[in-house]
Amino acid sequence: MTYIFAERLKELREEKGLSIRMLAKEVGYSDVAIGRWENKKQIPNIETLITFAKYFNVSADYLLGLED
């Protein structure tokens, strides 16, 4: 599940043409934290998951790989 989240987060970020730093500024997380999530070094908490789901207008299930 962590790997799917990491891949989808990066994919969504790149689709919007955002750098990690730009996304960090948009959602209020540090670029270091986003880098850790994208590089599968850390698992996001539920609040973070909700933040990204709302920002990218996708479901939490999509971010977790529970739906396509």
PDB file of N, CA and C in Angstrom:
ATOM      1  N   MET A   1       0.822  -1.192   0.000  1.00  0.00           N
ATOM      2  CA  MET A   1       0.000   0.000   0.000  1.00  0.00           C
ATOM      3  C   MET A   1       0.868   1.258   0.000  1.00  0.00           C
ATOM      4  N   THR A   2       1.951   1.253   0.750  1.00  0.00           N
ATOM      5  CA  THR A   2       2.856   2.399   0.789  1.00  0.00           C
ATOM      6  C   THR A   2       3.414   2.701  -0.586  1.00  0.00           C
ATOM      7  N   TYR A   3       3.737   1.644  -1.326  1.00  0.00           N
ATOM      8  CA  TYR A   3       4.322   1.843  -2.647  1.00  0.00           C
ATOM      9  C   TYR A   3       3.312   2.459  -3.607  1.00  0.00           C
ATOM     10  N   ILE A   4       2.085   2.013  -3.536  1.00  0.00           N
ATOM     11  CA  ILE A   4       1.058   2.564  -4.416  1.00  0.00           C
ATOM     12  C   ILE A   4       0.826   4.026  -4.086  1.00  0.00           C
ATOM     13  N   PHE A   5       0.726   4.361  -2.797  1.00  0.00           N
ATOM     14  CA  PHE A   5       0.547   5.760  -2.418  1.00  0.00           C
ATOM     15  C   PHE A   5       1.693   6.602  -2.976  1.00  0.00           C
ATOM     16  N   ALA A   6       2.905   6.150  -2.801  1.00  0.00           N
ATOM     17  CA  ALA A   6       4.086   6.892  -3.268  1.00  0.00           C
ATOM     18  C   ALA A   6       4.021   7.124  -4.773  1.00  0.00           C
ATOM     19  N   GLU A   7       3.685   6.084  -5.503  1.00  0.00           N
ATOM     20  CA  GLU A   7       3.621   6.196  -6.963  1.00  0.00           C
ATOM     21  C   GLU A   7       2.505   7.130  -7.399  1.00  0.00           C
ATOM     22  N   ARG A   8       1.358   7.021  -6.759  1.00  0.00           N
ATOM     23  CA  ARG A   8       0.218   7.861  -7.155  1.00  0.00           C
ATOM     24  C   ARG A   8       0.446   9.316  -6.767  1.00  0.00           C
ATOM     25  N   LEU A   9       1.035   9.551  -5.622  1.00  0.00           N
ATOM     26  CA  LEU A   9       1.330  10.923  -5.209  1.00  0.00           C
ATOM     27  C   LEU A   9       2.257  11.579  -6.226  1.00  0.00           C
ATOM     28  N   LYS A  10       3.305  10.889  -6.595  1.00  0.00           N
ATOM     29  CA  LYS A  10       4.256  11.439  -7.563  1.00  0.00           C
ATOM     30  C   LYS A  10       3.595  11.653  -8.928  1.00  0.00           C
ATOM     31  N   GLU A  11       2.814  10.688  -9.346  1.00  0.00           N
ATOM     32  CA  GLU A  11       2.119  10.785 -10.636  1.00  0.00           C
ATOM     33  C   GLU A  11       1.177  11.995 -10.661  1.00  0.00           C
ATOM     34  N   LEU A  12       0.395  12.172  -9.619  1.00  0.00           N
ATOM     35  CA  LEU A  12      -0.544  13.291  -9.551  1.00  0.00           C
ATOM     36  C   LEU A  12       0.188  14.632  -9.507  1.00  0.00           C
ATOM     37  N   ARG A  13       1.263  14.671  -8.752  1.00  0.00           N
ATOM     38  CA  ARG A  13       2.060  15.900  -8.658  1.00  0.00           C
ATOM     39  C   ARG A  13       2.620  16.269 -10.026  1.00  0.00           C
ATOM     40  N   GLU A  14       3.188  15.299 -10.716  1.00  0.00           N
ATOM     41  CA  GLU A  14       3.788  15.553 -12.023  1.00  0.00           C
ATOM     42  C   GLU A  14       2.735  15.926 -13.066  1.00  0.00           C
ATOM     43  N   GLU A  15       1.542  15.322 -12.974  1.00  0.00           N
ATOM     44  CA  GLU A  15       0.461  15.666 -13.900  1.00  0.00           C
ATOM     45  C   GLU A  15       0.076  17.144 -13.781  1.00  0.00           C
ATOM     46  N   LYS A  16       0.195  17.680 -12.565  1.00  0.00           N
ATOM     47  CA  LYS A  16      -0.114  19.101 -12.347  1.00  0.00           C
ATOM     48  C   LYS A  16       1.079  19.994 -12.669  1.00  0.00           C
ATOM     49  N   GLY A  17       2.203  19.382 -13.021  1.00  0.00           N
ATOM     50  CA  GLY A  17       3.393  20.152 -13.353  1.00  0.00           C
ATOM     51  C   GLY A  17       4.045  20.806 -12.147  1.00  0.00           C
ATOM     52  N   LEU A  18       3.915  20.169 -10.993  1.00  0.00           N
ATOM     53  CA  LEU A  18       4.455  20.726  -9.755  1.00  0.00           C
ATOM     54  C   LEU A  18       5.749  20.033  -9.341  1.00  0.00           C
ATOM     55  N   SER A  19       6.669  20.811  -8.819  1.00  0.00           N
ATOM     56  CA  SER A  19       7.842  20.232  -8.176  1.00  0.00           C
ATOM     57  C   SER A  19       7.424  19.828  -6.761  1.00  0.00           C
ATOM     58  N   ILE A  20       8.270  19.073  -6.109  1.00  0.00           N
ATOM     59  CA  ILE A  20       7.987  18.713  -4.713  1.00  0.00           C
ATOM     60  C   ILE A  20       7.863  19.979  -3.873  1.00  0.00           C
ATOM     61  N   ARG A  21       8.743  20.924  -4.088  1.00  0.00           N
ATOM     62  CA  ARG A  21       8.728  22.177  -3.332  1.00  0.00           C
ATOM     63  C   ARG A  21       7.429  22.962  -3.561  1.00  0.00           C
ATOM     64  N   MET A  22       6.975  23.001  -4.809  1.00  0.00           N
ATOM     65  CA  MET A  22       5.741  23.718  -5.128  1.00  0.00           C
ATOM     66  C   MET A  22       4.537  23.051  -4.459  1.00  0.00           C
ATOM     67  N   LEU A  23       4.488  21.719  -4.513  1.00  0.00           N
ATOM     68  CA  LEU A  23       3.395  21.001  -3.870  1.00  0.00           C
ATOM     69  C   LEU A  23       3.418  21.227  -2.365  1.00  0.00           C
ATOM     70  N   ALA A  24       4.596  21.196  -1.787  1.00  0.00           N
ATOM     71  CA  ALA A  24       4.726  21.421  -0.344  1.00  0.00           C
ATOM     72  C   ALA A  24       4.124  22.764   0.054  1.00  0.00           C
ATOM     73  N   LYS A  25       4.401  23.765  -0.722  1.00  0.00           N
ATOM     74  CA  LYS A  25       3.866  25.098  -0.451  1.00  0.00           C
ATOM     75  C   LYS A  25       2.345  25.119  -0.573  1.00  0.00           C
ATOM     76  N   GLU A  26       1.831  24.422  -1.562  1.00  0.00           N
ATOM     77  CA  GLU A  26       0.383  24.374  -1.811  1.00  0.00           C
ATOM     78  C   GLU A  26      -0.381  23.701  -0.678  1.00  0.00           C
ATOM     79  N   VAL A  27       0.156  22.600  -0.150  1.00  0.00           N
ATOM     80  CA  VAL A  27      -0.590  21.808   0.837  1.00  0.00           C
ATOM     81  C   VAL A  27      -0.133  22.020   2.281  1.00  0.00           C
ATOM     82  N   GLY A  28       0.948  22.750   2.472  1.00  0.00           N
ATOM     83  CA  GLY A  28       1.375  23.063   3.834  1.00  0.00           C
ATOM     84  C   GLY A  28       2.230  22.011   4.518  1.00  0.00           C
ATOM     85  N   TYR A  29       2.862  21.160   3.734  1.00  0.00           N
ATOM     86  CA  TYR A  29       3.811  20.186   4.282  1.00  0.00           C
ATOM     87  C   TYR A  29       5.203  20.557   3.803  1.00  0.00           C
ATOM     88  N   SER A  30       6.204  20.034   4.454  1.00  0.00           N
ATOM     89  CA  SER A  30       7.566  20.339   4.017  1.00  0.00           C
ATOM     90  C   SER A  30       7.919  19.523   2.780  1.00  0.00           C
ATOM     91  N   ASP A  31       8.840  20.064   1.998  1.00  0.00           N
ATOM     92  CA  ASP A  31       9.287  19.325   0.818  1.00  0.00           C
ATOM     93  C   ASP A  31      10.011  18.049   1.227  1.00  0.00           C
ATOM     94  N   VAL A  32      10.655  18.063   2.378  1.00  0.00           N
ATOM     95  CA  VAL A  32      11.338  16.868   2.880  1.00  0.00           C
ATOM     96  C   VAL A  32      10.317  15.763   3.151  1.00  0.00           C
ATOM     97  N   ALA A  33       9.196  16.116   3.771  1.00  0.00           N
ATOM     98  CA  ALA A  33       8.155  15.127   4.074  1.00  0.00           C
ATOM     99  C   ALA A  33       7.589  14.540   2.782  1.00  0.00           C
ATOM    100  N   ILE A  34       7.289  15.391   1.822  1.00  0.00           N
ATOM    101  CA  ILE A  34       6.740  14.904   0.556  1.00  0.00           C
ATOM    102  C   ILE A  34       7.755  13.995  -0.145  1.00  0.00           C
ATOM    103  N   GLY A  35       9.005  14.373  -0.105  1.00  0.00           N
ATOM    104  CA  GLY A  35      10.053  13.522  -0.673  1.00  0.00           C
ATOM    105  C   GLY A  35      10.109  12.158  -0.010  1.00  0.00           C
ATOM    106  N   ARG A  36       9.946  12.126   1.293  1.00  0.00           N
ATOM    107  CA  ARG A  36       9.957  10.847   2.015  1.00  0.00           C
ATOM    108  C   ARG A  36       8.772   9.982   1.610  1.00  0.00           C
ATOM    109  N   TRP A  37       7.601  10.593   1.461  1.00  0.00           N
ATOM    110  CA  TRP A  37       6.423   9.820   1.044  1.00  0.00           C
ATOM    111  C   TRP A  37       6.608   9.289  -0.366  1.00  0.00           C
ATOM    112  N   GLU A  38       7.101  10.131  -1.261  1.00  0.00           N
ATOM    113  CA  GLU A  38       7.290   9.700  -2.652  1.00  0.00           C
ATOM    114  C   GLU A  38       8.391   8.653  -2.789  1.00  0.00           C
ATOM    115  N   ASN A  39       9.357   8.678  -1.909  1.00  0.00           N
ATOM    116  CA  ASN A  39      10.474   7.726  -1.971  1.00  0.00           C
ATOM    117  C   ASN A  39      10.269   6.517  -1.074  1.00  0.00           C
ATOM    118  N   LYS A  40       9.048   6.343  -0.610  1.00  0.00           N
ATOM    119  CA  LYS A  40       8.658   5.163   0.180  1.00  0.00           C
ATOM    120  C   LYS A  40       9.439   5.020   1.485  1.00  0.00           C
ATOM    121  N   LYS A  41       9.850   6.140   2.050  1.00  0.00           N
ATOM    122  CA  LYS A  41      10.620   6.092   3.292  1.00  0.00           C
ATOM    123  C   LYS A  41       9.762   6.379   4.512  1.00  0.00           C
ATOM    124  N   GLN A  42       8.548   6.843   4.278  1.00  0.00           N
ATOM    125  CA  GLN A  42       7.662   7.175   5.384  1.00  0.00           C
ATOM    126  C   GLN A  42       6.226   6.962   4.925  1.00  0.00           C
ATOM    127  N   ILE A  43       5.371   6.585   5.844  1.00  0.00           N
ATOM    128  CA  ILE A  43       3.960   6.369   5.554  1.00  0.00           C
ATOM    129  C   ILE A  43       3.178   7.585   6.059  1.00  0.00           C
ATOM    130  N   PRO A  44       2.309   8.148   5.214  1.00  0.00           N
ATOM    131  CA  PRO A  44       1.541   9.312   5.655  1.00  0.00           C
ATOM    132  C   PRO A  44       0.449   8.917   6.649  1.00  0.00           C
ATOM    133  N   ASN A  45       0.075   9.857   7.504  1.00  0.00           N
ATOM    134  CA  ASN A  45      -1.034   9.589   8.419  1.00  0.00           C
ATOM    135  C   ASN A  45      -2.351   9.894   7.715  1.00  0.00           C
ATOM    136  N   ILE A  46      -3.453   9.622   8.368  1.00  0.00           N
ATOM    137  CA  ILE A  46      -4.767   9.771   7.758  1.00  0.00           C
ATOM    138  C   ILE A  46      -5.061  11.227   7.390  1.00  0.00           C
ATOM    139  N   GLU A  47      -4.639  12.176   8.196  1.00  0.00           N
ATOM    140  CA  GLU A  47      -4.871  13.590   7.886  1.00  0.00           C
ATOM    141  C   GLU A  47      -4.144  13.988   6.603  1.00  0.00           C
ATOM    142  N   THR A  48      -2.955  13.485   6.437  1.00  0.00           N
ATOM    143  CA  THR A  48      -2.178  13.759   5.231  1.00  0.00           C
ATOM    144  C   THR A  48      -2.870  13.149   4.017  1.00  0.00           C
ATOM    145  N   LEU A  49      -3.326  11.938   4.157  1.00  0.00           N
ATOM    146  CA  LEU A  49      -4.034  11.255   3.080  1.00  0.00           C
ATOM    147  C   LEU A  49      -5.263  12.065   2.648  1.00  0.00           C
ATOM    148  N   ILE A  50      -6.018  12.552   3.608  1.00  0.00           N
ATOM    149  CA  ILE A  50      -7.204  13.361   3.310  1.00  0.00           C
ATOM    150  C   ILE A  50      -6.812  14.659   2.619  1.00  0.00           C
ATOM    151  N   THR A  51      -5.747  15.283   3.084  1.00  0.00           N
ATOM    152  CA  THR A  51      -5.270  16.525   2.465  1.00  0.00           C
ATOM    153  C   THR A  51      -4.966  16.319   0.991  1.00  0.00           C
ATOM    154  N   PHE A  52      -4.248  15.261   0.662  1.00  0.00           N
ATOM    155  CA  PHE A  52      -3.896  14.995  -0.733  1.00  0.00           C
ATOM    156  C   PHE A  52      -5.113  14.585  -1.556  1.00  0.00           C
ATOM    157  N   ALA A  53      -6.015  13.823  -0.980  1.00  0.00           N
ATOM    158  CA  ALA A  53      -7.226  13.432  -1.701  1.00  0.00           C
ATOM    159  C   ALA A  53      -8.033  14.670  -2.088  1.00  0.00           C
ATOM    160  N   LYS A  54      -8.186  15.590  -1.166  1.00  0.00           N
ATOM    161  CA  LYS A  54      -8.917  16.829  -1.457  1.00  0.00           C
ATOM    162  C   LYS A  54      -8.165  17.688  -2.464  1.00  0.00           C
ATOM    163  N   TYR A  55      -6.878  17.829  -2.285  1.00  0.00           N
ATOM    164  CA  TYR A  55      -6.086  18.689  -3.163  1.00  0.00           C
ATOM    165  C   TYR A  55      -6.129  18.200  -4.607  1.00  0.00           C
ATOM    166  N   PHE A  56      -5.960  16.900  -4.804  1.00  0.00           N
ATOM    167  CA  PHE A  56      -5.927  16.342  -6.150  1.00  0.00           C
ATOM    168  C   PHE A  56      -7.313  15.913  -6.652  1.00  0.00           C
ATOM    169  N   ASN A  57      -8.331  16.077  -5.803  1.00  0.00           N
ATOM    170  CA  ASN A  57      -9.706  15.722  -6.161  1.00  0.00           C
ATOM    171  C   ASN A  57      -9.822  14.254  -6.566  1.00  0.00           C
ATOM    172  N   VAL A  58      -9.240  13.406  -5.740  1.00  0.00           N
ATOM    173  CA  VAL A  58      -9.335  11.957  -5.909  1.00  0.00           C
ATOM    174  C   VAL A  58      -9.761  11.364  -4.577  1.00  0.00           C
ATOM    175  N   SER A  59     -10.140  10.105  -4.575  1.00  0.00           N
ATOM    176  CA  SER A  59     -10.531   9.468  -3.318  1.00  0.00           C
ATOM    177  C   SER A  59      -9.296   8.963  -2.569  1.00  0.00           C
ATOM    178  N   ALA A  60      -9.454   8.825  -1.280  1.00  0.00           N
ATOM    179  CA  ALA A  60      -8.391   8.221  -0.467  1.00  0.00           C
ATOM    180  C   ALA A  60      -8.159   6.784  -0.929  1.00  0.00           C
ATOM    181  N   ASP A  61      -9.229   6.109  -1.320  1.00  0.00           N
ATOM    182  CA  ASP A  61      -9.088   4.742  -1.832  1.00  0.00           C
ATOM    183  C   ASP A  61      -8.198   4.706  -3.066  1.00  0.00           C
ATOM    184  N   TYR A  62      -8.328   5.697  -3.936  1.00  0.00           N
ATOM    185  CA  TYR A  62      -7.474   5.757  -5.119  1.00  0.00           C
ATOM    186  C   TYR A  62      -6.012   5.918  -4.696  1.00  0.00           C
ATOM    187  N   LEU A  63      -5.756   6.842  -3.775  1.00  0.00           N
ATOM    188  CA  LEU A  63      -4.379   7.075  -3.322  1.00  0.00           C
ATOM    189  C   LEU A  63      -3.759   5.837  -2.685  1.00  0.00           C
ATOM    190  N   LEU A  64      -4.594   5.035  -2.055  1.00  0.00           N
ATOM    191  CA  LEU A  64      -4.111   3.819  -1.391  1.00  0.00           C
ATOM    192  C   LEU A  64      -4.082   2.608  -2.303  1.00  0.00           C
ATOM    193  N   GLY A  65      -4.578   2.760  -3.522  1.00  0.00           N
ATOM    194  CA  GLY A  65      -4.568   1.653  -4.463  1.00  0.00           C
ATOM    195  C   GLY A  65      -5.728   0.682  -4.280  1.00  0.00           C
ATOM    196  N   LEU A  66      -6.769   1.123  -3.589  1.00  0.00           N
ATOM    197  CA  LEU A  66      -7.930   0.256  -3.378  1.00  0.00           C
ATOM    198  C   LEU A  66      -8.934   0.356  -4.521  1.00  0.00           C
ATOM    199  N   GLU A  67      -8.752   1.366  -5.362  1.00  0.00           N
ATOM    200  CA  GLU A  67      -9.557   1.512  -6.577  1.00  0.00           C
ATOM    201  C   GLU A  67      -8.706   2.180  -7.647  1.00  0.00           C
ATOM    202  N   ASP A  68      -9.111   1.994  -8.890  1.00  0.00           N
ATOM    203  CA  ASP A  68      -8.376   2.593 -10.010  1.00  0.00           C
ATOM    204  C   ASP A  68      -8.987   3.900 -10.442  1.00  0.00           C
TER     205      ASP A  68
END
